[in-house]
């Protein structure tokens, strides 16, 4: 399973939105690996980024 697949599974389990730090804890991936996976998923249109105040959340599209 690729990093993007792991990240997508965690995001699907949290449809209300999840932060990068929570994704890191759930997957055990590094910050840079999560960031690359999120960039890939956002470019495919699978995940959307939601900004609430100073925090960014990611949720399935």
C-alpha atoms as a PDB file:
ATOM      1  CA  UNK A   1       0.000   0.000   0.000  1.00  0.00           C
ATOM      2  CA  UNK A   2       1.394   3.384  -0.978  1.00  0.00           C
ATOM      3  CA  UNK A   3       1.600   6.349   1.377  1.00  0.00           C
ATOM      4  CA  UNK A   4      -1.194   8.066  -0.573  1.00  0.00           C
ATOM      5  CA  UNK A   5      -3.420   4.992  -0.132  1.00  0.00           C
ATOM      6  CA  UNK A   6      -2.728   4.913   3.618  1.00  0.00           C
ATOM      7  CA  UNK A   7      -3.488   8.617   3.980  1.00  0.00           C
ATOM      8  CA  UNK A   8      -6.676   8.319   1.924  1.00  0.00           C
ATOM      9  CA  UNK A   9      -7.933   5.461   4.109  1.00  0.00           C
ATOM     10  CA  UNK A  10      -7.413   7.536   7.274  1.00  0.00           C
ATOM     11  CA  UNK A  11      -9.153  10.529   5.707  1.00  0.00           C
ATOM     12  CA  UNK A  12     -12.111   8.365   4.656  1.00  0.00           C
ATOM     13  CA  UNK A  13     -12.421   7.183   8.261  1.00  0.00           C
ATOM     14  CA  UNK A  14     -12.678  10.846   9.351  1.00  0.00           C
ATOM     15  CA  UNK A  15     -15.166  12.423   6.916  1.00  0.00           C
ATOM     16  CA  UNK A  16     -15.543  15.531   9.094  1.00  0.00           C
ATOM     17  CA  UNK A  17     -11.877  16.372   8.529  1.00  0.00           C
ATOM     18  CA  UNK A  18      -8.512  15.455  10.003  1.00  0.00           C
ATOM     19  CA  UNK A  19      -5.291  17.411  10.566  1.00  0.00           C
ATOM     20  CA  UNK A  20      -1.845  16.428   9.288  1.00  0.00           C
ATOM     21  CA  UNK A  21      -0.580  15.668  12.802  1.00  0.00           C
ATOM     22  CA  UNK A  22      -3.454  13.231  13.317  1.00  0.00           C
ATOM     23  CA  UNK A  23      -2.743  11.565   9.971  1.00  0.00           C
ATOM     24  CA  UNK A  24       0.917  11.203  10.992  1.00  0.00           C
ATOM     25  CA  UNK A  25      -0.015   9.525  14.281  1.00  0.00           C
ATOM     26  CA  UNK A  26      -2.479   7.168  12.611  1.00  0.00           C
ATOM     27  CA  UNK A  27      -0.145   6.086   9.803  1.00  0.00           C
ATOM     28  CA  UNK A  28       3.313   6.413  11.336  1.00  0.00           C
ATOM     29  CA  UNK A  29       4.451   8.301   8.229  1.00  0.00           C
ATOM     30  CA  UNK A  30       6.793  11.295   8.368  1.00  0.00           C
ATOM     31  CA  UNK A  31       5.509  14.829   7.896  1.00  0.00           C
ATOM     32  CA  UNK A  32       7.070  15.052   4.432  1.00  0.00           C
ATOM     33  CA  UNK A  33       5.540  11.719   3.346  1.00  0.00           C
ATOM     34  CA  UNK A  34       2.089  12.846   4.501  1.00  0.00           C
ATOM     35  CA  UNK A  35       2.549  16.200   2.758  1.00  0.00           C
ATOM     36  CA  UNK A  36       3.527  14.526  -0.540  1.00  0.00           C
ATOM     37  CA  UNK A  37       0.592  12.121  -0.286  1.00  0.00           C
ATOM     38  CA  UNK A  38      -1.840  14.982   0.384  1.00  0.00           C
ATOM     39  CA  UNK A  39      -0.490  16.942  -2.585  1.00  0.00           C
ATOM     40  CA  UNK A  40      -1.014  13.896  -4.798  1.00  0.00           C
ATOM     41  CA  UNK A  41      -4.533  13.279  -3.462  1.00  0.00           C
ATOM     42  CA  UNK A  42      -5.522  16.950  -3.821  1.00  0.00           C
ATOM     43  CA  UNK A  43      -4.277  17.039  -7.431  1.00  0.00           C
ATOM     44  CA  UNK A  44      -6.380  13.947  -8.221  1.00  0.00           C
ATOM     45  CA  UNK A  45      -9.415  15.619  -6.669  1.00  0.00           C
ATOM     46  CA  UNK A  46      -9.839  12.851  -4.090  1.00  0.00           C
ATOM     47  CA  UNK A  47      -9.281  15.046  -1.029  1.00  0.00           C
ATOM     48  CA  UNK A  48     -10.109  18.638  -0.211  1.00  0.00           C
ATOM     49  CA  UNK A  49      -8.380  21.040   2.152  1.00  0.00           C
ATOM     50  CA  UNK A  50     -10.555  23.047   4.549  1.00  0.00           C
ATOM     51  CA  UNK A  51      -9.118  25.962   6.535  1.00  0.00           C
ATOM     52  CA  UNK A  52     -10.714  26.719   9.902  1.00  0.00           C
ATOM     53  CA  UNK A  53      -8.961  29.594  11.616  1.00  0.00           C
ATOM     54  CA  UNK A  54      -5.265  28.806  11.535  1.00  0.00           C
ATOM     55  CA  UNK A  55      -5.763  25.051  11.094  1.00  0.00           C
ATOM     56  CA  UNK A  56      -6.000  22.987   7.923  1.00  0.00           C
ATOM     57  CA  UNK A  57      -8.203  19.924   7.791  1.00  0.00           C
ATOM     58  CA  UNK A  58      -8.394  17.340   5.046  1.00  0.00           C
ATOM     59  CA  UNK A  59     -11.530  15.458   4.156  1.00  0.00           C
ATOM     60  CA  UNK A  60     -12.730  13.223   1.324  1.00  0.00           C
ATOM     61  CA  UNK A  61     -14.339  14.940  -1.621  1.00  0.00           C
END
